[in-house]
Amino acid sequence: MSRVLALVAAPRADTAAATEFLRVLAAARAVGREVAIVEVGRGVGALSAAEPDLTEEGARTLAALAEDGVVPRGDADPAAEMAAAEAILVLPDPARTGMPPVLRLRRGERPASEAIAALATAGQIVLG
């Protein structure tokens, strides 16, 4: 089974983009992918709060993911999660700088602390 790491860097989850992000994660679970949701940077608490601020559909989708054992975590070790991932999806922070324009990470390797710090600001993240 391949593992999808979903990184949440956006501070708000009551947006159309966040709802679509959750739909994509639910679709990944529906086809048998393991999914881990990890909040980073300003995204910590966006989904893992006791009562996250979500759209109605976002709340239903997050509840369905939780029933399937997929629970957002703001206290996870992003480096360890990235080393275990086959794919990474990102709900970016709209205030990100886009620096670096592309953050390239090696699949199966634990990234350095500099790469972890760049996660929330990068324009794109490529795992390969």
N, C-alpha and C. Protein backbone atom coordinates (compact mmCIF):
# COMPACT_ATOMS: atom_id res chain seq x y z
N MET A 1 0.85 -1.18 0.00
CA MET A 1 0.00 0.00 0.00
C MET A 1 0.89 1.23 0.00
N SER A 2 0.61 2.20 -0.86
CA SER A 2 1.41 3.41 -0.88
C SER A 2 0.86 4.41 0.13
N ARG A 3 1.76 5.22 0.63
CA ARG A 3 1.41 6.17 1.68
C ARG A 3 1.44 7.59 1.15
N VAL A 4 0.36 8.31 1.39
CA VAL A 4 0.24 9.71 0.99
C VAL A 4 0.38 10.57 2.24
N LEU A 5 1.29 11.52 2.19
CA LEU A 5 1.44 12.48 3.27
C LEU A 5 0.75 13.77 2.85
N ALA A 6 -0.21 14.21 3.64
CA ALA A 6 -0.93 15.45 3.38
C ALA A 6 -0.43 16.50 4.37
N LEU A 7 0.26 17.50 3.85
CA LEU A 7 0.79 18.57 4.68
C LEU A 7 -0.16 19.76 4.65
N VAL A 8 -0.57 20.21 5.81
CA VAL A 8 -1.46 21.37 5.93
C VAL A 8 -0.64 22.54 6.46
N ALA A 9 -0.38 23.51 5.58
CA ALA A 9 0.36 24.71 5.97
C ALA A 9 -0.56 25.94 6.04
N ALA A 10 -1.76 25.83 5.49
CA ALA A 10 -2.71 26.95 5.49
C ALA A 10 -3.29 27.15 6.89
N PRO A 11 -3.37 28.38 7.35
CA PRO A 11 -3.89 28.64 8.69
C PRO A 11 -5.40 28.51 8.80
N ARG A 12 -6.10 28.51 7.64
CA ARG A 12 -7.56 28.42 7.64
C ARG A 12 -8.00 27.21 6.83
N ALA A 13 -9.05 26.54 7.30
CA ALA A 13 -9.57 25.37 6.60
C ALA A 13 -11.01 25.56 6.17
N ASP A 14 -11.52 26.76 6.26
CA ASP A 14 -12.90 27.04 5.87
C ASP A 14 -12.99 27.58 4.45
N THR A 15 -12.07 27.13 3.60
CA THR A 15 -11.97 27.62 2.23
C THR A 15 -12.34 26.51 1.24
N ALA A 16 -12.63 26.93 0.02
CA ALA A 16 -12.91 25.95 -1.04
C ALA A 16 -11.67 25.08 -1.30
N ALA A 17 -10.49 25.68 -1.23
CA ALA A 17 -9.25 24.92 -1.45
C ALA A 17 -9.07 23.83 -0.39
N ALA A 18 -9.36 24.15 0.86
CA ALA A 18 -9.23 23.17 1.94
C ALA A 18 -10.26 22.05 1.78
N THR A 19 -11.46 22.40 1.37
CA THR A 19 -12.50 21.39 1.15
C THR A 19 -12.09 20.45 0.03
N GLU A 20 -11.57 20.99 -1.06
CA GLU A 20 -11.11 20.15 -2.17
C GLU A 20 -9.93 19.28 -1.75
N PHE A 21 -9.04 19.82 -0.96
CA PHE A 21 -7.90 19.07 -0.42
C PHE A 21 -8.40 17.84 0.36
N LEU A 22 -9.39 18.04 1.22
CA LEU A 22 -9.95 16.94 2.00
C LEU A 22 -10.64 15.92 1.08
N ARG A 23 -11.32 16.40 0.03
CA ARG A 23 -11.94 15.48 -0.94
C ARG A 23 -10.90 14.59 -1.61
N VAL A 24 -9.77 15.17 -1.97
CA VAL A 24 -8.69 14.40 -2.60
C VAL A 24 -8.16 13.34 -1.62
N LEU A 25 -8.03 13.69 -0.37
CA LEU A 25 -7.56 12.73 0.63
C LEU A 25 -8.56 11.59 0.81
N ALA A 26 -9.85 11.93 0.82
CA ALA A 26 -10.89 10.90 0.93
C ALA A 26 -10.85 9.98 -0.29
N ALA A 27 -10.60 10.54 -1.46
CA ALA A 27 -10.51 9.72 -2.68
C ALA A 27 -9.31 8.79 -2.60
N ALA A 28 -8.19 9.28 -2.06
CA ALA A 28 -7.01 8.43 -1.90
C ALA A 28 -7.31 7.25 -0.97
N ARG A 29 -8.02 7.53 0.10
CA ARG A 29 -8.40 6.45 1.03
C ARG A 29 -9.35 5.47 0.34
N ALA A 30 -10.25 5.99 -0.48
CA ALA A 30 -11.24 5.15 -1.15
C ALA A 30 -10.59 4.15 -2.10
N VAL A 31 -9.41 4.48 -2.62
CA VAL A 31 -8.72 3.54 -3.51
C VAL A 31 -7.61 2.78 -2.79
N GLY A 32 -7.66 2.80 -1.45
CA GLY A 32 -6.77 1.97 -0.66
C GLY A 32 -5.43 2.57 -0.26
N ARG A 33 -5.25 3.86 -0.45
CA ARG A 33 -3.99 4.49 -0.05
C ARG A 33 -4.02 4.79 1.45
N GLU A 34 -2.89 4.61 2.09
CA GLU A 34 -2.74 5.05 3.47
C GLU A 34 -2.53 6.56 3.43
N VAL A 35 -3.19 7.30 4.32
CA VAL A 35 -3.10 8.76 4.33
C VAL A 35 -2.73 9.23 5.74
N ALA A 36 -1.76 10.13 5.81
CA ALA A 36 -1.40 10.78 7.07
C ALA A 36 -1.53 12.28 6.85
N ILE A 37 -2.23 12.96 7.76
CA ILE A 37 -2.39 14.42 7.67
C ILE A 37 -1.53 15.05 8.76
N VAL A 38 -0.59 15.89 8.34
CA VAL A 38 0.33 16.54 9.28
C VAL A 38 0.25 18.04 9.07
N GLU A 39 0.03 18.76 10.14
CA GLU A 39 -0.03 20.21 10.08
C GLU A 39 1.36 20.78 10.36
N VAL A 40 1.75 21.77 9.56
CA VAL A 40 3.06 22.39 9.71
C VAL A 40 2.92 23.90 9.66
N GLY A 41 3.89 24.61 10.24
CA GLY A 41 3.90 26.07 10.19
C GLY A 41 2.61 26.67 10.72
N ARG A 42 2.06 27.63 9.97
CA ARG A 42 0.82 28.29 10.39
C ARG A 42 -0.39 27.38 10.30
N GLY A 43 -0.22 26.20 9.71
CA GLY A 43 -1.32 25.25 9.58
C GLY A 43 -1.58 24.41 10.82
N VAL A 44 -0.69 24.50 11.82
CA VAL A 44 -0.89 23.71 13.04
C VAL A 44 -2.18 24.16 13.71
N GLY A 45 -3.09 23.23 13.88
CA GLY A 45 -4.38 23.49 14.51
C GLY A 45 -5.50 23.75 13.52
N ALA A 46 -5.17 23.93 12.25
CA ALA A 46 -6.21 24.24 11.26
C ALA A 46 -7.25 23.13 11.15
N LEU A 47 -6.81 21.88 11.22
CA LEU A 47 -7.74 20.74 11.16
C LEU A 47 -7.81 19.96 12.47
N SER A 48 -6.76 20.06 13.29
CA SER A 48 -6.72 19.25 14.51
C SER A 48 -7.34 19.93 15.73
N ALA A 49 -7.79 21.16 15.57
CA ALA A 49 -8.44 21.85 16.69
C ALA A 49 -9.68 21.07 17.12
N ALA A 50 -10.09 21.25 18.36
CA ALA A 50 -11.27 20.54 18.86
C ALA A 50 -12.48 20.78 17.97
N GLU A 51 -12.66 21.98 17.50
CA GLU A 51 -13.74 22.31 16.58
C GLU A 51 -13.17 23.17 15.45
N PRO A 52 -12.55 22.53 14.45
CA PRO A 52 -11.95 23.32 13.36
C PRO A 52 -13.01 24.07 12.56
N ASP A 53 -12.62 25.21 12.06
CA ASP A 53 -13.51 26.03 11.24
C ASP A 53 -13.44 25.50 9.81
N LEU A 54 -14.51 24.83 9.36
CA LEU A 54 -14.55 24.19 8.05
C LEU A 54 -15.84 24.54 7.33
N THR A 55 -15.85 24.33 6.02
CA THR A 55 -17.11 24.41 5.29
C THR A 55 -17.95 23.20 5.71
N GLU A 56 -19.22 23.23 5.38
CA GLU A 56 -20.09 22.10 5.74
C GLU A 56 -19.57 20.80 5.11
N GLU A 57 -19.24 20.86 3.82
CA GLU A 57 -18.73 19.67 3.16
C GLU A 57 -17.36 19.27 3.70
N GLY A 58 -16.53 20.25 4.02
CA GLY A 58 -15.23 19.96 4.62
C GLY A 58 -15.37 19.23 5.94
N ALA A 59 -16.32 19.66 6.76
CA ALA A 59 -16.56 19.01 8.05
C ALA A 59 -17.01 17.57 7.86
N ARG A 60 -17.92 17.33 6.90
CA ARG A 60 -18.37 15.96 6.62
C ARG A 60 -17.21 15.08 6.14
N THR A 61 -16.38 15.64 5.27
CA THR A 61 -15.27 14.86 4.72
C THR A 61 -14.23 14.56 5.80
N LEU A 62 -13.93 15.54 6.64
CA LEU A 62 -12.97 15.32 7.72
C LEU A 62 -13.51 14.28 8.69
N ALA A 63 -14.81 14.31 8.98
CA ALA A 63 -15.43 13.32 9.86
C ALA A 63 -15.34 11.92 9.24
N ALA A 64 -15.56 11.82 7.93
CA ALA A 64 -15.46 10.52 7.25
C ALA A 64 -14.03 10.00 7.30
N LEU A 65 -13.06 10.89 7.11
CA LEU A 65 -11.66 10.48 7.21
C LEU A 65 -11.35 9.99 8.62
N ALA A 66 -11.84 10.70 9.63
CA ALA A 66 -11.60 10.30 11.02
C ALA A 66 -12.21 8.93 11.31
N GLU A 67 -13.40 8.67 10.77
CA GLU A 67 -14.02 7.36 10.95
C GLU A 67 -13.17 6.25 10.34
N ASP A 68 -12.38 6.61 9.34
CA ASP A 68 -11.50 5.66 8.67
C ASP A 68 -10.10 5.66 9.28
N GLY A 69 -9.93 6.37 10.40
CA GLY A 69 -8.66 6.36 11.11
C GLY A 69 -7.67 7.42 10.68
N VAL A 70 -8.08 8.33 9.83
CA VAL A 70 -7.19 9.40 9.36
C VAL A 70 -7.48 10.65 10.17
N VAL A 71 -6.57 10.99 11.08
CA VAL A 71 -6.77 12.10 12.00
C VAL A 71 -5.62 13.10 11.83
N PRO A 72 -5.91 14.38 11.62
CA PRO A 72 -4.85 15.38 11.47
C PRO A 72 -4.03 15.51 12.75
N ARG A 73 -2.71 15.71 12.55
CA ARG A 73 -1.81 15.84 13.70
C ARG A 73 -0.92 17.05 13.54
N GLY A 74 -0.89 17.88 14.55
CA GLY A 74 0.00 19.03 14.55
C GLY A 74 1.27 18.76 15.32
N ASP A 75 1.32 17.59 15.97
CA ASP A 75 2.47 17.25 16.81
C ASP A 75 3.35 16.17 16.18
N ALA A 76 3.12 15.85 14.92
CA ALA A 76 3.88 14.79 14.25
C ALA A 76 5.27 15.28 13.88
N ASP A 77 6.16 14.35 13.63
CA ASP A 77 7.51 14.64 13.17
C ASP A 77 7.48 14.68 11.64
N PRO A 78 7.46 15.87 11.02
CA PRO A 78 7.34 15.94 9.56
C PRO A 78 8.44 15.19 8.82
N ALA A 79 9.66 15.20 9.35
CA ALA A 79 10.77 14.51 8.69
C ALA A 79 10.52 13.01 8.62
N ALA A 80 10.07 12.43 9.72
CA ALA A 80 9.79 10.99 9.74
C ALA A 80 8.62 10.67 8.82
N GLU A 81 7.60 11.50 8.83
CA GLU A 81 6.44 11.29 7.98
C GLU A 81 6.82 11.38 6.51
N MET A 82 7.70 12.31 6.16
CA MET A 82 8.12 12.46 4.78
C MET A 82 8.97 11.29 4.33
N ALA A 83 9.79 10.75 5.22
CA ALA A 83 10.62 9.61 4.86
C ALA A 83 9.77 8.38 4.55
N ALA A 84 8.59 8.29 5.16
CA ALA A 84 7.71 7.14 4.96
C ALA A 84 6.73 7.32 3.80
N ALA A 85 6.70 8.50 3.20
CA ALA A 85 5.70 8.81 2.18
C ALA A 85 6.13 8.42 0.77
N GLU A 86 5.16 7.98 0.00
CA GLU A 86 5.36 7.74 -1.43
C GLU A 86 4.93 8.96 -2.24
N ALA A 87 4.05 9.77 -1.66
CA ALA A 87 3.57 10.98 -2.33
C ALA A 87 3.27 12.03 -1.27
N ILE A 88 3.41 13.28 -1.64
CA ILE A 88 3.12 14.40 -0.72
C ILE A 88 2.13 15.33 -1.40
N LEU A 89 1.05 15.65 -0.68
CA LEU A 89 0.07 16.66 -1.11
C LEU A 89 0.15 17.80 -0.11
N VAL A 90 0.03 19.02 -0.60
CA VAL A 90 0.18 20.19 0.28
C VAL A 90 -1.01 21.12 0.13
N LEU A 91 -1.58 21.51 1.28
CA LEU A 91 -2.53 22.61 1.33
C LEU A 91 -1.69 23.81 1.76
N PRO A 92 -1.26 24.63 0.78
CA PRO A 92 -0.26 25.66 1.09
C PRO A 92 -0.83 26.85 1.84
N ASP A 93 0.07 27.52 2.52
CA ASP A 93 -0.25 28.77 3.19
C ASP A 93 -0.35 29.84 2.10
N PRO A 94 -1.48 30.53 1.98
CA PRO A 94 -1.59 31.56 0.93
C PRO A 94 -0.56 32.68 1.09
N ALA A 95 0.01 32.83 2.28
CA ALA A 95 1.00 33.88 2.52
C ALA A 95 2.43 33.38 2.31
N ARG A 96 2.58 32.16 1.74
CA ARG A 96 3.94 31.62 1.56
C ARG A 96 4.73 32.51 0.61
N THR A 97 6.04 32.49 0.76
CA THR A 97 6.92 33.34 -0.04
C THR A 97 7.23 32.73 -1.40
N GLY A 98 7.08 31.43 -1.53
CA GLY A 98 7.46 30.77 -2.77
C GLY A 98 8.95 30.53 -2.85
N MET A 99 9.62 30.62 -1.72
CA MET A 99 11.06 30.38 -1.66
C MET A 99 11.33 29.15 -0.81
N PRO A 100 12.00 28.18 -1.28
CA PRO A 100 12.51 28.08 -2.65
C PRO A 100 11.35 27.84 -3.62
N PRO A 101 11.56 28.17 -4.90
CA PRO A 101 10.49 27.94 -5.87
C PRO A 101 10.10 26.47 -5.94
N VAL A 102 11.11 25.59 -5.88
CA VAL A 102 10.85 24.14 -5.88
C VAL A 102 11.72 23.53 -4.80
N LEU A 103 11.10 22.84 -3.86
CA LEU A 103 11.81 22.12 -2.81
C LEU A 103 11.84 20.65 -3.22
N ARG A 104 13.02 20.14 -3.55
CA ARG A 104 13.16 18.75 -4.00
C ARG A 104 13.61 17.89 -2.83
N LEU A 105 12.83 16.84 -2.57
CA LEU A 105 13.14 15.92 -1.48
C LEU A 105 13.32 14.52 -2.06
N ARG A 106 14.16 13.73 -1.43
CA ARG A 106 14.38 12.37 -1.89
C ARG A 106 13.41 11.43 -1.19
N ARG A 107 12.77 10.58 -1.98
CA ARG A 107 11.83 9.60 -1.44
C ARG A 107 12.58 8.64 -0.52
N GLY A 108 11.99 8.36 0.62
CA GLY A 108 12.54 7.39 1.56
C GLY A 108 13.62 7.93 2.47
N GLU A 109 13.99 9.19 2.32
CA GLU A 109 15.02 9.77 3.17
C GLU A 109 14.42 10.80 4.12
N ARG A 110 14.98 10.85 5.31
CA ARG A 110 14.56 11.84 6.29
C ARG A 110 15.20 13.17 5.90
N PRO A 111 14.39 14.19 5.58
CA PRO A 111 14.97 15.47 5.15
C PRO A 111 15.67 16.21 6.30
N ALA A 112 16.63 17.04 5.93
CA ALA A 112 17.36 17.86 6.90
C ALA A 112 16.43 18.92 7.49
N SER A 113 16.82 19.48 8.61
CA SER A 113 15.99 20.47 9.29
C SER A 113 15.76 21.70 8.42
N GLU A 114 16.70 22.05 7.53
CA GLU A 114 16.50 23.19 6.64
C GLU A 114 15.34 22.93 5.68
N ALA A 115 15.23 21.70 5.21
CA ALA A 115 14.13 21.35 4.30
C ALA A 115 12.80 21.40 5.04
N ILE A 116 12.78 20.96 6.27
CA ILE A 116 11.56 20.99 7.07
C ILE A 116 11.12 22.45 7.26
N ALA A 117 12.07 23.33 7.54
CA ALA A 117 11.75 24.75 7.72
C ALA A 117 11.20 25.37 6.44
N ALA A 118 11.64 24.87 5.27
CA ALA A 118 11.22 25.43 3.99
C ALA A 118 9.87 24.90 3.52
N LEU A 119 9.34 23.86 4.18
CA LEU A 119 8.08 23.25 3.73
C LEU A 119 6.94 24.25 3.58
N ALA A 120 6.76 25.08 4.57
CA ALA A 120 5.61 25.97 4.59
C ALA A 120 5.75 27.17 3.66
N THR A 121 6.98 27.45 3.18
CA THR A 121 7.18 28.62 2.33
C THR A 121 7.44 28.27 0.87
N ALA A 122 7.74 27.02 0.58
CA ALA A 122 8.13 26.62 -0.78
C ALA A 122 7.00 26.83 -1.78
N GLY A 123 7.39 27.13 -3.01
CA GLY A 123 6.40 27.25 -4.08
C GLY A 123 5.81 25.90 -4.41
N GLN A 124 6.66 24.90 -4.61
CA GLN A 124 6.24 23.54 -4.90
C GLN A 124 7.15 22.57 -4.14
N ILE A 125 6.61 21.38 -3.86
CA ILE A 125 7.41 20.32 -3.23
C ILE A 125 7.39 19.14 -4.16
N VAL A 126 8.58 18.65 -4.48
CA VAL A 126 8.71 17.49 -5.37
C VAL A 126 9.39 16.38 -4.60
N LEU A 127 8.78 15.21 -4.63
CA LEU A 127 9.33 14.03 -3.97
C LEU A 127 9.77 13.06 -5.05
N GLY A 128 11.04 12.73 -5.06
CA GLY A 128 11.50 11.84 -6.12
C GLY A 128 12.81 11.18 -5.83
